[in-house]
């Protein structure tokens, strides 16, 4: 299974139409300073629990700082059985320019 790259606009459109999971792979301090609404901070310590407890049929969007390190992470989650996996282009740094941020 492979992932696809997705634009921020497409993430917004998708979330309006259906339930999605958003995981943020940035460091915990950056996540605590601001993150996408309803996103979950995932790291090496909690990834296995997340994989075991999350519905793999729901689309999964992986977010990082700029949209680069989310690509290998998205490939990893796709290999773990998630059916529809995306890496968000531009990452959180572009998201926060025009979209809501939770702290």
Protein backbone atom coordinates (compact mmCIF):
# COMPACT_ATOMS: atom_id res chain seq x y z
CA UNK A 1 0.00 0.00 0.00
CA UNK A 2 1.26 3.46 -0.85
CA UNK A 3 0.41 6.93 0.35
CA UNK A 4 -0.54 9.98 -1.70
CA UNK A 5 0.43 13.61 -1.29
CA UNK A 6 -2.49 15.92 -0.57
CA UNK A 7 -2.87 19.69 -0.56
CA UNK A 8 -4.09 21.63 2.44
CA UNK A 9 -7.20 22.65 0.49
CA UNK A 10 -7.92 19.00 -0.25
CA UNK A 11 -7.50 18.11 3.44
CA UNK A 12 -10.07 20.78 4.30
CA UNK A 13 -12.47 19.53 1.62
CA UNK A 14 -12.05 15.93 2.72
CA UNK A 15 -12.66 16.77 6.38
CA UNK A 16 -15.90 18.56 5.45
CA UNK A 17 -17.20 15.46 3.65
CA UNK A 18 -16.08 12.65 5.94
CA UNK A 19 -14.32 11.71 9.12
CA UNK A 20 -10.52 11.74 8.87
CA UNK A 21 -7.65 11.09 11.27
CA UNK A 22 -4.81 13.61 11.39
CA UNK A 23 -1.52 12.67 12.99
CA UNK A 24 1.23 15.20 13.63
CA UNK A 25 4.75 13.78 13.77
CA UNK A 26 6.46 16.97 14.90
CA UNK A 27 8.21 17.02 18.28
CA UNK A 28 5.96 17.29 21.36
CA UNK A 29 7.04 20.87 22.15
CA UNK A 30 6.12 22.10 18.68
CA UNK A 31 2.82 20.23 18.83
CA UNK A 32 2.03 21.77 22.23
CA UNK A 33 2.77 25.25 20.84
CA UNK A 34 0.16 24.78 18.08
CA UNK A 35 -1.39 22.05 15.96
CA UNK A 36 -4.23 21.28 13.59
CA UNK A 37 -7.62 20.85 15.28
CA UNK A 38 -8.33 17.26 16.37
CA UNK A 39 -4.83 16.09 15.42
CA UNK A 40 -2.87 13.58 17.50
CA UNK A 41 0.85 13.86 18.20
CA UNK A 42 2.52 10.58 17.22
CA UNK A 43 6.09 9.58 18.02
CA UNK A 44 8.10 6.38 18.41
CA UNK A 45 6.73 5.86 21.92
CA UNK A 46 3.01 5.90 21.03
CA UNK A 47 2.90 4.86 17.36
CA UNK A 48 2.29 1.15 18.06
CA UNK A 49 -0.64 1.91 20.38
CA UNK A 50 -2.08 4.31 17.82
CA UNK A 51 -1.81 1.69 15.07
CA UNK A 52 -3.46 -0.95 17.24
CA UNK A 53 -6.33 1.26 18.40
CA UNK A 54 -7.22 3.26 15.27
CA UNK A 55 -9.72 2.39 12.55
CA UNK A 56 -7.65 1.67 9.47
CA UNK A 57 -10.60 2.31 7.11
CA UNK A 58 -10.75 6.03 7.99
CA UNK A 59 -8.46 8.23 5.84
CA UNK A 60 -5.23 9.14 7.65
CA UNK A 61 -3.41 12.43 7.03
CA UNK A 62 0.20 12.70 8.23
CA UNK A 63 1.52 16.17 9.04
CA UNK A 64 5.05 17.36 9.79
CA UNK A 65 6.75 20.78 9.67
CA UNK A 66 7.06 21.32 5.90
CA UNK A 67 5.63 18.22 4.25
CA UNK A 68 8.86 16.28 3.76
CA UNK A 69 9.33 13.95 6.75
CA UNK A 70 5.63 13.13 6.67
CA UNK A 71 6.19 11.21 3.43
CA UNK A 72 8.23 8.30 4.88
CA UNK A 73 5.93 8.33 7.92
CA UNK A 74 2.90 8.08 5.64
CA UNK A 75 4.53 5.16 3.84
CA UNK A 76 5.09 3.47 7.20
CA UNK A 77 1.44 3.86 8.23
CA UNK A 78 0.29 2.60 4.84
CA UNK A 79 2.45 -0.48 5.38
CA UNK A 80 0.75 -0.99 8.76
CA UNK A 81 -2.60 -1.55 7.05
CA UNK A 82 -4.17 1.90 6.87
CA UNK A 83 -6.22 1.85 3.65
CA UNK A 84 -6.01 5.53 2.65
CA UNK A 85 -2.93 7.47 3.76
CA UNK A 86 -1.88 10.99 2.80
CA UNK A 87 1.13 13.22 3.41
CA UNK A 88 0.03 16.86 3.62
CA UNK A 89 2.03 19.13 1.30
CA UNK A 90 3.46 22.22 2.99
CA UNK A 91 3.10 20.76 6.47
CA UNK A 92 1.96 22.61 9.55
CA UNK A 93 4.04 25.68 8.72
CA UNK A 94 1.85 26.39 5.68
CA UNK A 95 -1.36 25.16 7.37
CA UNK A 96 -1.07 27.72 10.17
CA UNK A 97 -0.94 30.65 7.73
CA UNK A 98 -4.63 30.39 6.77
CA UNK A 99 -6.25 27.71 8.93
CA UNK A 100 -7.27 27.25 12.56
CA UNK A 101 -4.65 26.21 15.11
CA UNK A 102 -5.24 24.67 18.54
CA UNK A 103 -2.84 25.07 21.46
